[in-house]
Amino acid sequence: MTSDHAGVVYDLDGTLVELVVDWDAVAQDVQAVYADAGVAPVDRDLWTMLGEAREHGLYDDVEAAIAAHECDGARESHLLPYADELAHDGRPAAVCSLNCEAACRVALDTHDLTAHVDMVVGRDTVSTWKPDPAPLLHAVDGLGLAPENVLFVGDSERDAVTAERAGTDFQWVE
């Protein structure tokens, strides 16, 4: 990683840690929330169901169902090589994740990384999700830096698009 940037923002899952989450089980639990409310989520994937939950008045219950799995998965997560970069880099650092903020914090605590992170932005921290730039910009602002002085490190096309939209540089995890 280059030192040309004043700060670094990391994605969490797939970048710093690998959450141990059975996403099929999460989707089944979310489908059960819909079914219990009498709403049939026909042929919807997990993230579409989350995105549509507000229009059905189910957002809090759907978010809670997903977050419970993510927090459990964060406790069982596996450390990835970029966690060493975070721990030894010394620059201001943040996490910007599509996972809920609580799961991010659990994973950071589980692997003794909390002291190395100045800001955590999860899916529920701001009102929009990656690839919208708002979560990344919120993390950058929390570091007190300008986007052009920040590197965003991630593992997905969504992360790359988020960085481009936010005006930060981007680096893929190796």
N, C-alpha and C. Protein backbone atom coordinates (compact mmCIF):
# COMPACT_ATOMS: atom_id res chain seq x y z
N MET A 1 0.85 -1.17 0.00
CA MET A 1 0.00 0.00 0.00
C MET A 1 0.90 1.24 0.00
N THR A 2 0.51 2.24 -0.76
CA THR A 2 1.32 3.45 -0.85
C THR A 2 1.10 4.35 0.35
N SER A 3 2.05 5.21 0.61
CA SER A 3 1.93 6.16 1.71
C SER A 3 1.61 7.55 1.18
N ASP A 4 1.12 7.63 -0.05
CA ASP A 4 0.79 8.91 -0.67
C ASP A 4 -0.49 9.53 -0.13
N HIS A 5 -1.19 8.82 0.71
CA HIS A 5 -2.48 9.28 1.20
C HIS A 5 -2.38 9.61 2.69
N ALA A 6 -3.13 10.62 3.12
CA ALA A 6 -3.11 11.03 4.52
C ALA A 6 -3.87 10.06 5.41
N GLY A 7 -4.82 9.32 4.83
CA GLY A 7 -5.62 8.37 5.59
C GLY A 7 -6.13 7.25 4.72
N VAL A 8 -6.61 6.20 5.38
CA VAL A 8 -7.10 5.02 4.67
C VAL A 8 -8.45 4.61 5.25
N VAL A 9 -9.38 4.29 4.36
CA VAL A 9 -10.66 3.72 4.75
C VAL A 9 -10.71 2.31 4.19
N TYR A 10 -11.09 1.36 5.04
CA TYR A 10 -11.15 -0.04 4.65
C TYR A 10 -12.59 -0.52 4.64
N ASP A 11 -12.92 -1.33 3.65
CA ASP A 11 -14.12 -2.15 3.74
C ASP A 11 -13.84 -3.17 4.84
N LEU A 12 -14.87 -3.83 5.36
CA LEU A 12 -14.64 -4.80 6.43
C LEU A 12 -14.59 -6.24 5.91
N ASP A 13 -15.76 -6.78 5.55
CA ASP A 13 -15.87 -8.19 5.18
C ASP A 13 -15.24 -8.43 3.82
N GLY A 14 -14.26 -9.31 3.80
CA GLY A 14 -13.53 -9.59 2.57
C GLY A 14 -12.28 -8.75 2.43
N THR A 15 -12.10 -7.79 3.32
CA THR A 15 -10.94 -6.91 3.27
C THR A 15 -10.09 -7.04 4.53
N LEU A 16 -10.68 -6.76 5.69
CA LEU A 16 -9.97 -6.90 6.96
C LEU A 16 -10.24 -8.25 7.62
N VAL A 17 -11.48 -8.70 7.52
CA VAL A 17 -11.88 -9.98 8.10
C VAL A 17 -12.83 -10.68 7.14
N GLU A 18 -13.02 -11.95 7.39
CA GLU A 18 -14.05 -12.70 6.68
C GLU A 18 -15.09 -13.09 7.71
N LEU A 19 -16.27 -12.49 7.62
CA LEU A 19 -17.35 -12.84 8.54
C LEU A 19 -17.81 -14.26 8.23
N VAL A 20 -18.15 -14.98 9.27
CA VAL A 20 -18.66 -16.34 9.12
C VAL A 20 -20.18 -16.24 9.19
N VAL A 21 -20.79 -16.04 8.02
CA VAL A 21 -22.24 -15.85 7.95
C VAL A 21 -22.80 -16.77 6.87
N ASP A 22 -23.84 -17.49 7.21
CA ASP A 22 -24.57 -18.29 6.24
C ASP A 22 -25.63 -17.37 5.63
N TRP A 23 -25.30 -16.77 4.50
CA TRP A 23 -26.19 -15.76 3.91
C TRP A 23 -27.51 -16.36 3.45
N ASP A 24 -27.53 -17.65 3.13
CA ASP A 24 -28.80 -18.30 2.79
C ASP A 24 -29.72 -18.35 4.01
N ALA A 25 -29.15 -18.63 5.18
CA ALA A 25 -29.94 -18.64 6.42
C ALA A 25 -30.44 -17.23 6.75
N VAL A 26 -29.62 -16.23 6.49
CA VAL A 26 -30.04 -14.85 6.72
C VAL A 26 -31.23 -14.53 5.83
N ALA A 27 -31.14 -14.90 4.55
CA ALA A 27 -32.24 -14.64 3.62
C ALA A 27 -33.51 -15.36 4.07
N GLN A 28 -33.38 -16.58 4.57
CA GLN A 28 -34.56 -17.30 5.07
C GLN A 28 -35.19 -16.59 6.26
N ASP A 29 -34.36 -16.08 7.16
CA ASP A 29 -34.89 -15.34 8.31
C ASP A 29 -35.60 -14.06 7.87
N VAL A 30 -35.03 -13.39 6.88
CA VAL A 30 -35.66 -12.17 6.37
C VAL A 30 -36.97 -12.51 5.65
N GLN A 31 -36.98 -13.61 4.91
CA GLN A 31 -38.23 -14.05 4.28
C GLN A 31 -39.28 -14.35 5.33
N ALA A 32 -38.87 -14.90 6.47
CA ALA A 32 -39.80 -15.17 7.56
C ALA A 32 -40.38 -13.88 8.14
N VAL A 33 -39.56 -12.83 8.23
CA VAL A 33 -40.07 -11.52 8.69
C VAL A 33 -41.16 -11.04 7.75
N TYR A 34 -40.90 -11.15 6.44
CA TYR A 34 -41.90 -10.76 5.44
C TYR A 34 -43.16 -11.62 5.58
N ALA A 35 -42.98 -12.93 5.69
CA ALA A 35 -44.12 -13.85 5.77
C ALA A 35 -44.95 -13.59 7.02
N ASP A 36 -44.28 -13.36 8.16
CA ASP A 36 -45.00 -13.07 9.41
C ASP A 36 -45.84 -11.81 9.30
N ALA A 37 -45.43 -10.90 8.43
CA ALA A 37 -46.17 -9.65 8.23
C ALA A 37 -47.20 -9.79 7.11
N GLY A 38 -47.28 -10.97 6.52
CA GLY A 38 -48.23 -11.18 5.44
C GLY A 38 -47.81 -10.63 4.11
N VAL A 39 -46.50 -10.40 3.95
CA VAL A 39 -45.96 -9.88 2.69
C VAL A 39 -45.10 -10.97 2.07
N ALA A 40 -45.41 -11.32 0.82
CA ALA A 40 -44.66 -12.37 0.15
C ALA A 40 -43.48 -11.78 -0.63
N PRO A 41 -42.25 -12.06 -0.21
CA PRO A 41 -41.07 -11.56 -0.94
C PRO A 41 -40.70 -12.49 -2.10
N VAL A 42 -41.55 -12.56 -3.09
CA VAL A 42 -41.37 -13.50 -4.19
C VAL A 42 -40.09 -13.19 -4.98
N ASP A 43 -39.23 -14.20 -5.09
CA ASP A 43 -38.02 -14.10 -5.90
C ASP A 43 -37.19 -12.85 -5.60
N ARG A 44 -37.02 -12.52 -4.35
CA ARG A 44 -36.20 -11.37 -3.97
C ARG A 44 -34.94 -11.87 -3.29
N ASP A 45 -33.80 -11.27 -3.63
CA ASP A 45 -32.59 -11.61 -2.90
C ASP A 45 -32.56 -10.81 -1.60
N LEU A 46 -31.62 -11.15 -0.75
CA LEU A 46 -31.54 -10.56 0.58
C LEU A 46 -31.48 -9.04 0.53
N TRP A 47 -30.60 -8.50 -0.30
CA TRP A 47 -30.38 -7.05 -0.31
C TRP A 47 -31.56 -6.31 -0.93
N THR A 48 -32.25 -6.96 -1.86
CA THR A 48 -33.47 -6.36 -2.41
C THR A 48 -34.55 -6.32 -1.33
N MET A 49 -34.67 -7.41 -0.56
CA MET A 49 -35.65 -7.42 0.53
C MET A 49 -35.34 -6.33 1.55
N LEU A 50 -34.08 -6.14 1.88
CA LEU A 50 -33.72 -5.07 2.80
C LEU A 50 -34.09 -3.72 2.20
N GLY A 51 -33.77 -3.52 0.93
CA GLY A 51 -34.07 -2.26 0.27
C GLY A 51 -35.56 -1.96 0.18
N GLU A 52 -36.37 -2.99 0.07
CA GLU A 52 -37.82 -2.80 -0.04
C GLU A 52 -38.53 -2.84 1.31
N ALA A 53 -37.82 -3.16 2.37
CA ALA A 53 -38.44 -3.33 3.69
C ALA A 53 -39.15 -2.08 4.19
N ARG A 54 -38.59 -0.91 3.90
CA ARG A 54 -39.22 0.33 4.39
C ARG A 54 -40.63 0.51 3.83
N GLU A 55 -40.80 0.20 2.55
CA GLU A 55 -42.12 0.41 1.94
C GLU A 55 -43.17 -0.53 2.51
N HIS A 56 -42.73 -1.60 3.20
CA HIS A 56 -43.66 -2.53 3.83
C HIS A 56 -43.72 -2.34 5.35
N GLY A 57 -43.01 -1.34 5.87
CA GLY A 57 -42.97 -1.11 7.31
C GLY A 57 -42.21 -2.19 8.06
N LEU A 58 -41.27 -2.85 7.39
CA LEU A 58 -40.54 -3.97 7.97
C LEU A 58 -39.06 -3.69 8.19
N TYR A 59 -38.64 -2.48 7.94
CA TYR A 59 -37.20 -2.20 7.93
C TYR A 59 -36.52 -2.58 9.25
N ASP A 60 -37.07 -2.14 10.37
CA ASP A 60 -36.40 -2.40 11.65
C ASP A 60 -36.27 -3.90 11.92
N ASP A 61 -37.32 -4.66 11.61
CA ASP A 61 -37.27 -6.11 11.84
C ASP A 61 -36.31 -6.81 10.88
N VAL A 62 -36.31 -6.38 9.62
CA VAL A 62 -35.40 -6.97 8.65
C VAL A 62 -33.95 -6.63 9.01
N GLU A 63 -33.70 -5.38 9.34
CA GLU A 63 -32.36 -4.96 9.73
C GLU A 63 -31.89 -5.74 10.95
N ALA A 64 -32.76 -5.93 11.93
CA ALA A 64 -32.40 -6.67 13.14
C ALA A 64 -32.06 -8.13 12.81
N ALA A 65 -32.81 -8.73 11.91
CA ALA A 65 -32.55 -10.12 11.54
C ALA A 65 -31.19 -10.26 10.87
N ILE A 66 -30.89 -9.35 9.98
CA ILE A 66 -29.59 -9.39 9.29
C ILE A 66 -28.45 -9.10 10.27
N ALA A 67 -28.64 -8.07 11.08
CA ALA A 67 -27.60 -7.66 12.03
C ALA A 67 -27.26 -8.76 13.03
N ALA A 68 -28.26 -9.51 13.47
CA ALA A 68 -27.99 -10.59 14.43
C ALA A 68 -27.03 -11.62 13.82
N HIS A 69 -27.27 -12.00 12.58
CA HIS A 69 -26.38 -12.95 11.90
C HIS A 69 -24.99 -12.34 11.71
N GLU A 70 -24.95 -11.07 11.31
CA GLU A 70 -23.65 -10.42 11.08
C GLU A 70 -22.84 -10.33 12.37
N CYS A 71 -23.48 -9.98 13.48
CA CYS A 71 -22.75 -9.88 14.75
C CYS A 71 -22.23 -11.24 15.19
N ASP A 72 -23.07 -12.28 15.04
CA ASP A 72 -22.59 -13.63 15.35
C ASP A 72 -21.42 -13.99 14.45
N GLY A 73 -21.54 -13.68 13.17
CA GLY A 73 -20.47 -13.96 12.21
C GLY A 73 -19.21 -13.17 12.48
N ALA A 74 -19.35 -11.99 13.03
CA ALA A 74 -18.20 -11.16 13.38
C ALA A 74 -17.42 -11.78 14.53
N ARG A 75 -18.13 -12.39 15.47
CA ARG A 75 -17.46 -13.04 16.61
C ARG A 75 -16.64 -14.25 16.15
N GLU A 76 -17.08 -14.88 15.07
CA GLU A 76 -16.41 -16.08 14.53
C GLU A 76 -15.52 -15.75 13.34
N SER A 77 -15.37 -14.48 13.02
CA SER A 77 -14.67 -14.06 11.80
C SER A 77 -13.19 -14.46 11.80
N HIS A 78 -12.67 -14.49 10.58
CA HIS A 78 -11.26 -14.82 10.37
C HIS A 78 -10.53 -13.56 9.92
N LEU A 79 -9.39 -13.33 10.50
CA LEU A 79 -8.56 -12.20 10.15
C LEU A 79 -7.95 -12.38 8.77
N LEU A 80 -7.92 -11.32 7.98
CA LEU A 80 -7.32 -11.33 6.65
C LEU A 80 -6.04 -10.48 6.65
N PRO A 81 -5.17 -10.66 5.65
CA PRO A 81 -3.87 -9.98 5.65
C PRO A 81 -3.92 -8.45 5.77
N TYR A 82 -4.93 -7.80 5.21
CA TYR A 82 -4.95 -6.34 5.29
C TYR A 82 -5.17 -5.83 6.71
N ALA A 83 -5.59 -6.69 7.61
CA ALA A 83 -5.70 -6.29 9.02
C ALA A 83 -4.32 -5.93 9.57
N ASP A 84 -3.28 -6.62 9.11
CA ASP A 84 -1.92 -6.28 9.52
C ASP A 84 -1.53 -4.89 9.03
N GLU A 85 -1.93 -4.58 7.79
CA GLU A 85 -1.67 -3.24 7.25
C GLU A 85 -2.32 -2.19 8.15
N LEU A 86 -3.58 -2.42 8.50
CA LEU A 86 -4.29 -1.49 9.37
C LEU A 86 -3.57 -1.33 10.70
N ALA A 87 -3.21 -2.43 11.30
CA ALA A 87 -2.60 -2.40 12.64
C ALA A 87 -1.24 -1.72 12.67
N HIS A 88 -0.51 -1.75 11.55
CA HIS A 88 0.85 -1.22 11.56
C HIS A 88 1.03 0.05 10.75
N ASP A 89 -0.01 0.54 10.12
CA ASP A 89 0.12 1.67 9.21
C ASP A 89 0.36 3.00 9.92
N GLY A 90 -0.41 3.30 10.94
CA GLY A 90 -0.21 4.53 11.70
C GLY A 90 -0.97 5.74 11.19
N ARG A 91 -1.48 5.69 9.97
CA ARG A 91 -2.27 6.82 9.45
C ARG A 91 -3.69 6.76 10.01
N PRO A 92 -4.39 7.89 9.99
CA PRO A 92 -5.81 7.85 10.37
C PRO A 92 -6.52 6.81 9.51
N ALA A 93 -7.39 6.02 10.16
CA ALA A 93 -8.06 4.93 9.45
C ALA A 93 -9.51 4.84 9.87
N ALA A 94 -10.33 4.38 8.93
CA ALA A 94 -11.76 4.17 9.19
C ALA A 94 -12.18 2.88 8.50
N VAL A 95 -13.36 2.41 8.89
CA VAL A 95 -14.01 1.28 8.24
C VAL A 95 -15.31 1.79 7.65
N CYS A 96 -15.58 1.42 6.41
CA CYS A 96 -16.83 1.74 5.73
C CYS A 96 -17.35 0.44 5.13
N SER A 97 -18.47 -0.05 5.66
CA SER A 97 -18.92 -1.39 5.32
C SER A 97 -20.40 -1.43 4.98
N LEU A 98 -20.77 -2.42 4.19
CA LEU A 98 -22.18 -2.72 3.95
C LEU A 98 -22.76 -3.53 5.10
N ASN A 99 -21.91 -4.03 6.00
CA ASN A 99 -22.39 -4.70 7.20
C ASN A 99 -22.86 -3.66 8.20
N CYS A 100 -23.67 -4.07 9.16
CA CYS A 100 -24.15 -3.12 10.16
C CYS A 100 -22.98 -2.65 11.02
N GLU A 101 -23.13 -1.46 11.59
CA GLU A 101 -22.04 -0.88 12.38
C GLU A 101 -21.68 -1.76 13.58
N ALA A 102 -22.68 -2.35 14.24
CA ALA A 102 -22.41 -3.19 15.40
C ALA A 102 -21.53 -4.38 15.03
N ALA A 103 -21.81 -5.02 13.89
CA ALA A 103 -20.99 -6.15 13.46
C ALA A 103 -19.56 -5.70 13.16
N CYS A 104 -19.42 -4.54 12.56
CA CYS A 104 -18.07 -4.00 12.31
C CYS A 104 -17.31 -3.85 13.62
N ARG A 105 -17.98 -3.29 14.61
CA ARG A 105 -17.33 -3.07 15.91
C ARG A 105 -17.00 -4.39 16.60
N VAL A 106 -17.91 -5.37 16.50
CA VAL A 106 -17.65 -6.68 17.09
C VAL A 106 -16.42 -7.31 16.44
N ALA A 107 -16.34 -7.27 15.11
CA ALA A 107 -15.19 -7.85 14.41
C ALA A 107 -13.90 -7.14 14.80
N LEU A 108 -13.94 -5.82 14.86
CA LEU A 108 -12.73 -5.07 15.25
C LEU A 108 -12.32 -5.41 16.67
N ASP A 109 -13.29 -5.50 17.58
CA ASP A 109 -12.98 -5.88 18.97
C ASP A 109 -12.44 -7.30 19.05
N THR A 110 -13.06 -8.21 18.32
CA THR A 110 -12.67 -9.62 18.34
C THR A 110 -11.20 -9.80 17.96
N HIS A 111 -10.73 -8.97 17.04
CA HIS A 111 -9.37 -9.12 16.54
C HIS A 111 -8.43 -8.01 17.03
N ASP A 112 -8.82 -7.31 18.09
CA ASP A 112 -7.98 -6.28 18.70
C ASP A 112 -7.56 -5.19 17.72
N LEU A 113 -8.48 -4.79 16.85
CA LEU A 113 -8.20 -3.75 15.86
C LEU A 113 -8.85 -2.41 16.20
N THR A 114 -9.70 -2.38 17.20
CA THR A 114 -10.47 -1.16 17.52
C THR A 114 -9.58 0.05 17.73
N ALA A 115 -8.46 -0.13 18.40
CA ALA A 115 -7.57 1.00 18.71
C ALA A 115 -6.96 1.61 17.46
N HIS A 116 -6.99 0.90 16.35
CA HIS A 116 -6.38 1.37 15.10
C HIS A 116 -7.38 2.05 14.17
N VAL A 117 -8.64 2.11 14.59
CA VAL A 117 -9.70 2.66 13.74
C VAL A 117 -10.31 3.88 14.41
N ASP A 118 -10.32 4.99 13.68
CA ASP A 118 -10.83 6.25 14.21
C ASP A 118 -12.33 6.44 13.97
N MET A 119 -12.87 5.72 12.98
CA MET A 119 -14.26 5.93 12.58
C MET A 119 -14.80 4.64 12.00
N VAL A 120 -16.05 4.30 12.34
CA VAL A 120 -16.71 3.12 11.78
C VAL A 120 -18.04 3.56 11.18
N VAL A 121 -18.23 3.23 9.91
CA VAL A 121 -19.47 3.53 9.21
C VAL A 121 -20.02 2.22 8.67
N GLY A 122 -21.16 1.84 9.20
CA GLY A 122 -21.83 0.63 8.73
C GLY A 122 -23.04 0.98 7.88
N ARG A 123 -23.72 -0.06 7.45
CA ARG A 123 -24.91 0.09 6.61
C ARG A 123 -25.97 0.96 7.30
N ASP A 124 -26.01 0.91 8.62
CA ASP A 124 -27.04 1.62 9.37
C ASP A 124 -26.55 2.93 9.99
N THR A 125 -25.35 3.36 9.66
CA THR A 125 -24.81 4.61 10.21
C THR A 125 -25.37 5.82 9.50
N VAL A 126 -25.48 5.75 8.19
CA VAL A 126 -26.07 6.82 7.39
C VAL A 126 -27.25 6.24 6.61
N SER A 127 -28.00 7.07 5.94
CA SER A 127 -29.26 6.61 5.34
C SER A 127 -29.09 5.91 3.99
N THR A 128 -27.89 5.90 3.42
CA THR A 128 -27.69 5.23 2.14
C THR A 128 -26.55 4.22 2.27
N TRP A 129 -26.44 3.34 1.29
CA TRP A 129 -25.43 2.29 1.31
C TRP A 129 -24.53 2.41 0.10
N LYS A 130 -23.32 1.84 0.25
CA LYS A 130 -22.44 1.73 -0.91
C LYS A 130 -23.20 1.03 -2.02
N PRO A 131 -23.12 1.45 -3.25
CA PRO A 131 -22.13 2.31 -3.86
C PRO A 131 -22.44 3.81 -3.81
N ASP A 132 -23.52 4.20 -3.13
CA ASP A 132 -23.73 5.63 -2.90
C ASP A 132 -22.49 6.13 -2.16
N PRO A 133 -21.98 7.30 -2.50
CA PRO A 133 -20.74 7.77 -1.87
C PRO A 133 -20.91 8.28 -0.43
N ALA A 134 -22.14 8.51 0.01
CA ALA A 134 -22.36 9.13 1.33
C ALA A 134 -21.69 8.38 2.49
N PRO A 135 -21.77 7.05 2.57
CA PRO A 135 -21.10 6.38 3.69
C PRO A 135 -19.58 6.58 3.68
N LEU A 136 -18.97 6.49 2.51
CA LEU A 136 -17.52 6.70 2.43
C LEU A 136 -17.16 8.14 2.75
N LEU A 137 -17.94 9.07 2.25
CA LEU A 137 -17.68 10.48 2.55
C LEU A 137 -17.86 10.78 4.03
N HIS A 138 -18.80 10.10 4.67
CA HIS A 138 -18.99 10.26 6.12
C HIS A 138 -17.75 9.76 6.87
N ALA A 139 -17.19 8.64 6.42
CA ALA A 139 -15.96 8.11 7.04
C ALA A 139 -14.79 9.07 6.83
N VAL A 140 -14.67 9.57 5.61
CA VAL A 140 -13.59 10.51 5.28
C VAL A 140 -13.71 11.77 6.14
N ASP A 141 -14.93 12.28 6.25
CA ASP A 141 -15.18 13.47 7.06
C ASP A 141 -14.83 13.20 8.53
N GLY A 142 -15.16 12.00 9.01
CA GLY A 142 -14.83 11.63 10.39
C GLY A 142 -13.34 11.59 10.66
N LEU A 143 -12.57 11.38 9.60
CA LEU A 143 -11.11 11.41 9.73
C LEU A 143 -10.56 12.83 9.63
N GLY A 144 -11.44 13.78 9.26
CA GLY A 144 -10.99 15.16 9.12
C GLY A 144 -10.16 15.38 7.87
N LEU A 145 -10.37 14.57 6.84
CA LEU A 145 -9.57 14.64 5.63
C LEU A 145 -10.44 14.95 4.42
N ALA A 146 -9.80 15.34 3.35
CA ALA A 146 -10.48 15.56 2.07
C ALA A 146 -10.44 14.25 1.29
N PRO A 147 -11.49 13.96 0.50
CA PRO A 147 -11.53 12.70 -0.24
C PRO A 147 -10.29 12.44 -1.09
N GLU A 148 -9.74 13.47 -1.71
CA GLU A 148 -8.58 13.26 -2.58
C GLU A 148 -7.32 12.87 -1.81
N ASN A 149 -7.37 12.96 -0.49
CA ASN A 149 -6.23 12.58 0.35
C ASN A 149 -6.41 11.21 1.01
N VAL A 150 -7.44 10.48 0.56
CA VAL A 150 -7.80 9.21 1.21
C VAL A 150 -7.76 8.07 0.20
N LEU A 151 -7.31 6.92 0.66
CA LEU A 151 -7.34 5.69 -0.10
C LEU A 151 -8.43 4.80 0.48
N PHE A 152 -9.30 4.27 -0.37
CA PHE A 152 -10.31 3.31 0.05
C PHE A 152 -9.86 1.93 -0.43
N VAL A 153 -9.77 0.98 0.50
CA VAL A 153 -9.33 -0.37 0.20
C VAL A 153 -10.53 -1.30 0.32
N GLY A 154 -10.80 -2.05 -0.75
CA GLY A 154 -11.95 -2.93 -0.73
C GLY A 154 -11.78 -4.14 -1.62
N ASP A 155 -12.82 -4.97 -1.61
CA ASP A 155 -12.75 -6.25 -2.32
C ASP A 155 -13.84 -6.45 -3.37
N SER A 156 -14.64 -5.42 -3.64
CA SER A 156 -15.76 -5.62 -4.56
C SER A 156 -15.88 -4.48 -5.56
N GLU A 157 -16.57 -4.78 -6.62
CA GLU A 157 -16.86 -3.74 -7.61
C GLU A 157 -17.65 -2.61 -6.96
N ARG A 158 -18.53 -2.95 -6.03
CA ARG A 158 -19.30 -1.94 -5.29
C ARG A 158 -18.36 -0.98 -4.57
N ASP A 159 -17.29 -1.50 -3.98
CA ASP A 159 -16.31 -0.65 -3.30
C ASP A 159 -15.60 0.26 -4.29
N ALA A 160 -15.21 -0.28 -5.43
CA ALA A 160 -14.53 0.52 -6.45
C ALA A 160 -15.42 1.65 -6.96
N VAL A 161 -16.68 1.34 -7.20
CA VAL A 161 -17.63 2.37 -7.66
C VAL A 161 -17.85 3.42 -6.58
N THR A 162 -17.94 2.99 -5.34
CA THR A 162 -18.11 3.93 -4.22
C THR A 162 -16.94 4.91 -4.17
N ALA A 163 -15.72 4.40 -4.28
CA ALA A 163 -14.53 5.25 -4.24
C ALA A 163 -14.55 6.27 -5.38
N GLU A 164 -14.88 5.80 -6.57
CA GLU A 164 -14.93 6.71 -7.72
C GLU A 164 -15.96 7.82 -7.49
N ARG A 165 -17.12 7.44 -7.00
CA ARG A 165 -18.19 8.44 -6.76
C ARG A 165 -17.83 9.41 -5.65
N ALA A 166 -17.06 8.94 -4.67
CA ALA A 166 -16.68 9.79 -3.53
C ALA A 166 -15.45 10.64 -3.81
N GLY A 167 -14.71 10.32 -4.86
CA GLY A 167 -13.51 11.09 -5.19
C GLY A 167 -12.28 10.65 -4.43
N THR A 168 -12.28 9.42 -3.92
CA THR A 168 -11.09 8.89 -3.26
C THR A 168 -10.37 7.97 -4.23
N ASP A 169 -9.12 7.68 -3.96
CA ASP A 169 -8.41 6.66 -4.71
C ASP A 169 -8.90 5.30 -4.18
N PHE A 170 -8.68 4.26 -4.98
CA PHE A 170 -9.15 2.93 -4.61
C PHE A 170 -8.03 1.92 -4.81
N GLN A 171 -7.98 0.95 -3.91
CA GLN A 171 -7.05 -0.16 -4.04
C GLN A 171 -7.79 -1.46 -3.75
N TRP A 172 -7.63 -2.42 -4.67
CA TRP A 172 -8.20 -3.74 -4.47
C TRP A 172 -7.37 -4.50 -3.45
N VAL A 173 -8.01 -5.31 -2.62
CA VAL A 173 -7.25 -6.23 -1.76
C VAL A 173 -6.61 -7.26 -2.67
N GLU A 174 -5.48 -7.77 -2.27
CA GLU A 174 -4.76 -8.73 -3.11
C GLU A 174 -5.14 -10.14 -2.74
